[in-house]
N, C-alpha and C. Protein backbone atom coordinates (compact mmCIF):
# COMPACT_ATOMS: atom_id res chain seq x y z
N UNK A 1 0.83 -1.16 -0.05
CA UNK A 1 0.09 0.16 -0.13
C UNK A 1 1.09 1.09 0.05
N UNK A 2 0.68 1.99 -0.77
CA UNK A 2 1.33 3.27 -0.61
C UNK A 2 1.25 4.14 0.63
N UNK A 3 2.02 5.00 0.77
CA UNK A 3 2.21 5.92 1.95
C UNK A 3 1.45 6.96 1.56
N UNK A 4 0.27 7.39 2.30
CA UNK A 4 -0.17 8.55 2.22
C UNK A 4 -0.17 9.27 3.84
N UNK A 5 0.76 10.69 3.81
CA UNK A 5 0.76 11.24 5.02
C UNK A 5 -0.40 11.79 5.47
N UNK A 6 -0.18 11.02 7.13
CA UNK A 6 -1.45 11.87 7.92
C UNK A 6 -2.09 13.27 7.72
N UNK A 7 -0.82 13.94 7.78
CA UNK A 7 -0.93 15.73 7.48
C UNK A 7 -1.51 15.97 6.42
N UNK A 8 -1.38 15.25 5.47
CA UNK A 8 -1.92 15.69 4.19
C UNK A 8 -3.55 15.31 4.09
N UNK A 9 -4.36 14.43 4.71
CA UNK A 9 -5.28 13.99 4.83
C UNK A 9 -6.21 15.06 6.12
N UNK A 10 -5.41 14.96 6.95
CA UNK A 10 -5.96 15.93 8.33
C UNK A 10 -6.05 17.28 7.61
N UNK A 11 -5.45 17.69 6.62
CA UNK A 11 -6.07 19.14 5.79
C UNK A 11 -7.06 19.32 5.85
N UNK A 12 -7.81 18.09 5.07
CA UNK A 12 -9.06 18.07 4.56
C UNK A 12 -10.03 17.90 5.87
N UNK A 13 -9.84 16.73 6.52
CA UNK A 13 -10.60 16.14 7.28
C UNK A 13 -10.02 16.41 8.68
N UNK A 14 -10.17 17.19 9.79
CA UNK A 14 -9.59 17.47 11.14
C UNK A 14 -9.22 16.45 11.44
N UNK A 15 -10.14 15.12 11.93
CA UNK A 15 -10.02 14.48 13.10
C UNK A 15 -9.25 13.21 12.05
N UNK A 16 -8.10 12.76 12.25
CA UNK A 16 -7.94 11.31 11.71
C UNK A 16 -8.61 10.03 11.87
N UNK A 17 -9.64 9.64 13.02
CA UNK A 17 -10.37 8.78 12.90
C UNK A 17 -11.64 8.81 11.86
N UNK A 18 -11.88 10.18 12.00
CA UNK A 18 -12.58 10.25 10.81
C UNK A 18 -12.62 10.23 9.31
N UNK A 19 -11.17 10.58 9.30
CA UNK A 19 -10.94 10.82 7.84
C UNK A 19 -10.63 8.85 7.23
N UNK A 20 -10.24 8.21 8.08
CA UNK A 20 -10.30 6.76 7.74
C UNK A 20 -11.56 6.16 7.71
N UNK A 21 -12.38 6.58 8.39
CA UNK A 21 -13.88 6.20 7.98
C UNK A 21 -14.39 6.67 6.48
N UNK A 22 -14.05 7.82 6.36
CA UNK A 22 -14.76 8.50 5.33
C UNK A 22 -13.60 7.80 4.07
N UNK A 23 -12.60 7.54 4.15
CA UNK A 23 -11.53 6.80 3.32
C UNK A 23 -12.21 5.19 3.05
N UNK A 24 -12.45 4.81 4.17
CA UNK A 24 -13.01 3.45 3.64
C UNK A 24 -14.19 3.08 3.11
N UNK A 25 -15.17 4.12 3.34
CA UNK A 25 -16.38 4.09 2.87
C UNK A 25 -16.29 4.67 1.07
N UNK A 26 -15.34 5.49 1.12
CA UNK A 26 -14.70 5.59 -0.47
C UNK A 26 -14.02 4.58 -1.07
N UNK A 27 -13.62 3.70 -0.51
CA UNK A 27 -12.68 2.49 -0.58
C UNK A 27 -13.70 1.64 -1.39
N UNK A 28 -14.71 1.39 -0.83
CA UNK A 28 -16.12 0.36 -0.75
C UNK A 28 -16.75 1.08 -2.12
N UNK A 29 -17.50 2.06 -2.25
CA UNK A 29 -17.72 2.73 -3.85
C UNK A 29 -16.61 2.62 -4.80
N UNK A 30 -15.62 2.75 -4.41
CA UNK A 30 -14.69 2.67 -5.89
C UNK A 30 -14.69 0.93 -5.90
N UNK A 31 -14.79 0.29 -4.85
CA UNK A 31 -14.40 -0.96 -5.38
C UNK A 31 -15.58 -1.63 -6.26
N UNK A 32 -16.84 -1.14 -5.74
CA UNK A 32 -18.10 -1.74 -6.08
C UNK A 32 -18.34 -1.34 -7.77
N UNK A 33 -17.69 0.24 -8.02
CA UNK A 33 -17.85 0.83 -9.11
C UNK A 33 -17.03 -0.40 -10.26
N UNK A 34 -16.29 -0.46 -9.82
CA UNK A 34 -15.00 -1.34 -10.62
C UNK A 34 -15.44 -2.76 -10.63
N UNK A 35 -16.26 -3.41 -9.92
CA UNK A 35 -17.06 -4.55 -10.23
C UNK A 35 -17.78 -4.40 -11.19
N UNK A 36 -18.87 -3.52 -11.30
CA UNK A 36 -19.71 -2.98 -11.83
C UNK A 36 -19.07 -2.98 -13.62
N UNK A 37 -18.18 -1.99 -13.69
CA UNK A 37 -17.62 -1.94 -14.87
C UNK A 37 -16.45 -3.21 -15.41
N UNK A 38 -16.53 -3.96 -14.41
CA UNK A 38 -16.04 -5.51 -14.62
C UNK A 38 -14.03 -5.31 -14.62
N UNK A 39 -13.82 -4.87 -13.86
CA UNK A 39 -12.40 -4.11 -13.97
C UNK A 39 -11.82 -4.84 -12.32
N UNK A 40 -11.50 -5.77 -12.06
CA UNK A 40 -10.93 -6.43 -10.83
C UNK A 40 -9.59 -6.22 -10.86
N UNK A 41 -8.47 -5.94 -11.67
CA UNK A 41 -7.67 -5.52 -11.36
C UNK A 41 -6.87 -4.65 -11.51
N UNK A 42 -5.86 -3.92 -10.83
CA UNK A 42 -5.64 -2.60 -11.22
C UNK A 42 -4.03 -2.34 -10.54
N UNK A 43 -3.48 -1.15 -10.83
CA UNK A 43 -1.96 -0.96 -10.74
C UNK A 43 -1.94 -0.78 -9.42
N UNK A 44 -2.96 0.38 -8.85
CA UNK A 44 -2.93 0.72 -7.39
C UNK A 44 -3.81 0.29 -6.48
N UNK A 45 -4.20 0.21 -5.27
CA UNK A 45 -4.99 -0.76 -4.21
C UNK A 45 -5.84 0.23 -4.28
N UNK A 46 -7.47 -0.29 -3.88
CA UNK A 46 -8.49 0.56 -3.78
C UNK A 46 -8.01 1.46 -2.41
N UNK A 47 -7.52 1.13 -1.32
CA UNK A 47 -7.56 1.69 -0.46
C UNK A 47 -6.76 2.85 -0.43
N UNK A 48 -5.22 3.03 -0.94
CA UNK A 48 -4.18 3.86 -1.61
C UNK A 48 -5.21 5.17 -2.11
N UNK A 49 -6.14 4.37 -3.01
CA UNK A 49 -6.68 5.36 -3.90
C UNK A 49 -7.72 6.36 -3.15
N UNK A 50 -8.29 5.68 -2.62
CA UNK A 50 -9.35 6.13 -1.52
C UNK A 50 -8.76 7.29 -0.53
N UNK A 51 -7.46 6.97 -0.14
CA UNK A 51 -6.92 8.09 0.97
C UNK A 51 -6.04 9.26 -0.12
N UNK A 52 -5.76 8.99 -1.32
CA UNK A 52 -5.24 10.03 -1.83
C UNK A 52 -6.32 11.15 -2.81
N UNK A 53 -7.81 10.30 -2.59
CA UNK A 53 -8.84 10.75 -2.68
C UNK A 53 -9.06 11.81 -1.55
N UNK A 54 -9.01 11.88 -0.77
CA UNK A 54 -9.66 11.84 0.55
C UNK A 54 -8.56 13.30 0.52
N UNK A 55 -7.17 13.03 0.51
CA UNK A 55 -6.03 13.77 0.85
C UNK A 55 -6.73 15.08 -0.07
N UNK A 56 -6.47 14.91 -1.59
CA UNK A 56 -6.70 15.75 -2.39
C UNK A 56 -8.09 16.62 -1.60
N UNK A 57 -9.15 16.10 -1.22
CA UNK A 57 -10.34 16.81 -1.00
C UNK A 57 -11.87 16.73 -2.44
N UNK A 58 -10.97 15.51 -2.91
CA UNK A 58 -12.10 15.30 -3.76
C UNK A 58 -13.42 14.35 -3.44
N UNK A 59 -13.51 14.22 -2.01
CA UNK A 59 -14.72 13.01 -1.53
C UNK A 59 -15.56 14.31 -0.52
N UNK A 60 -17.04 14.31 -1.05
CA UNK A 60 -17.52 14.97 -0.13
C UNK A 60 -18.30 14.12 1.41
N UNK A 61 -18.47 14.92 2.11
CA UNK A 61 -18.55 14.22 3.43
C UNK A 61 -19.47 14.86 4.25
N UNK A 62 -20.35 14.57 5.08
CA UNK A 62 -21.11 15.68 5.99
C UNK A 62 -21.46 14.94 7.31
N UNK A 63 -20.75 15.99 8.31
CA UNK A 63 -20.84 15.55 9.63
C UNK A 63 -22.41 15.16 10.12
N UNK A 64 -22.39 14.02 11.30
CA UNK A 64 -24.14 14.13 11.31
C UNK A 64 -24.64 15.23 12.11
N UNK A 65 -23.62 15.90 12.35
CA UNK A 65 -24.55 17.21 13.58
C UNK A 65 -24.97 18.16 12.67
N UNK A 66 -24.08 18.04 11.44
CA UNK A 66 -24.87 18.73 10.46
C UNK A 66 -25.94 18.55 9.64
N UNK A 67 -25.88 17.42 9.50
CA UNK A 67 -27.17 16.77 8.84
C UNK A 67 -28.53 16.86 9.78
N UNK A 68 -28.21 16.71 10.93
CA UNK A 68 -29.34 16.78 12.26
C UNK A 68 -29.98 17.96 11.93
N UNK A 69 -29.14 19.10 12.08
CA UNK A 69 -29.53 20.32 12.17
C UNK A 69 -30.25 20.86 11.04
N UNK A 70 -30.38 20.69 9.70
CA UNK A 70 -30.64 20.49 8.53
C UNK A 70 -31.08 19.89 7.56
N UNK A 71 -31.92 18.70 8.02
CA UNK A 71 -31.65 17.50 7.25
C UNK A 71 -32.49 17.62 5.99
N UNK A 72 -33.31 18.87 5.58
CA UNK A 72 -34.11 19.15 4.21
C UNK A 72 -32.94 19.42 3.21
N UNK A 73 -31.64 20.03 3.84
CA UNK A 73 -30.67 20.34 2.67
C UNK A 73 -30.05 19.07 2.29
N UNK A 74 -29.85 18.19 2.86
CA UNK A 74 -29.62 16.85 2.39
C UNK A 74 -30.33 15.71 1.65
N UNK A 75 -31.38 16.29 1.55
CA UNK A 75 -32.35 15.30 0.77
C UNK A 75 -32.43 15.77 -0.48
N UNK A 76 -32.74 14.70 -1.33
CA UNK A 76 -32.79 15.16 -2.82
C UNK A 76 -34.36 15.48 -2.78
N UNK A 77 -34.91 16.22 -3.80
CA UNK A 77 -36.33 16.87 -3.96
C UNK A 77 -37.47 15.26 -4.21
N UNK A 78 -38.53 15.43 -3.82
CA UNK A 78 -39.40 14.38 -4.29
C UNK A 78 -40.08 14.82 -5.77
N UNK A 79 -40.19 13.72 -6.48
CA UNK A 79 -40.84 13.72 -7.84
C UNK A 79 -41.69 14.31 -7.80
N UNK A 80 -43.13 13.84 -6.69
CA UNK A 80 -44.36 14.56 -6.58
C UNK A 80 -44.60 14.93 -5.80
N UNK A 81 -43.36 15.86 -5.14
CA UNK A 81 -43.78 16.89 -4.16
C UNK A 81 -44.13 17.81 -4.49
N UNK A 82 -45.56 18.84 -4.15
CA UNK A 82 -46.52 19.73 -4.60
C UNK A 82 -45.08 20.93 -3.58
N UNK A 83 -44.92 22.44 -4.49
CA UNK A 83 -44.42 22.99 -3.63
C UNK A 83 -45.45 23.87 -3.21
N UNK A 84 -45.04 24.57 -1.92
CA UNK A 84 -46.40 25.64 -1.66
C UNK A 84 -45.51 27.20 -1.87
N UNK A 85 -46.18 27.57 -2.74
CA UNK A 85 -45.84 29.41 -3.26
C UNK A 85 -45.73 30.41 -1.87
N UNK A 86 -46.37 29.87 -0.90
CA UNK A 86 -46.68 30.78 0.16
C UNK A 86 -45.28 30.82 1.14
C-alpha cells in the first residue's frame, strides 16, 4: 500500500479517525464501481486510491451533527412533491 501522510489527510478532515472512516467508505464505493464495470485488477490498491482522493479533497462528506441540524438540505427533492408558493 502506498504511503499517504496523515498531515495531508488531516488538512481536509481534521479528525484522523473520521478521515479513515470516510476513506473506507470511499474505497467501498470505488470497489463496487470497478466490479460493475468489470475491472477487478488495477495497478493501485483501492484503499490507496481512496486515501489519495480524501487527501486531495475530492470526497464529499457531511458530519452527522450538520445533517441533523438541517435534514432538508441533504435530501433530494421528491418527484411528486408539491411546493407551496406561500
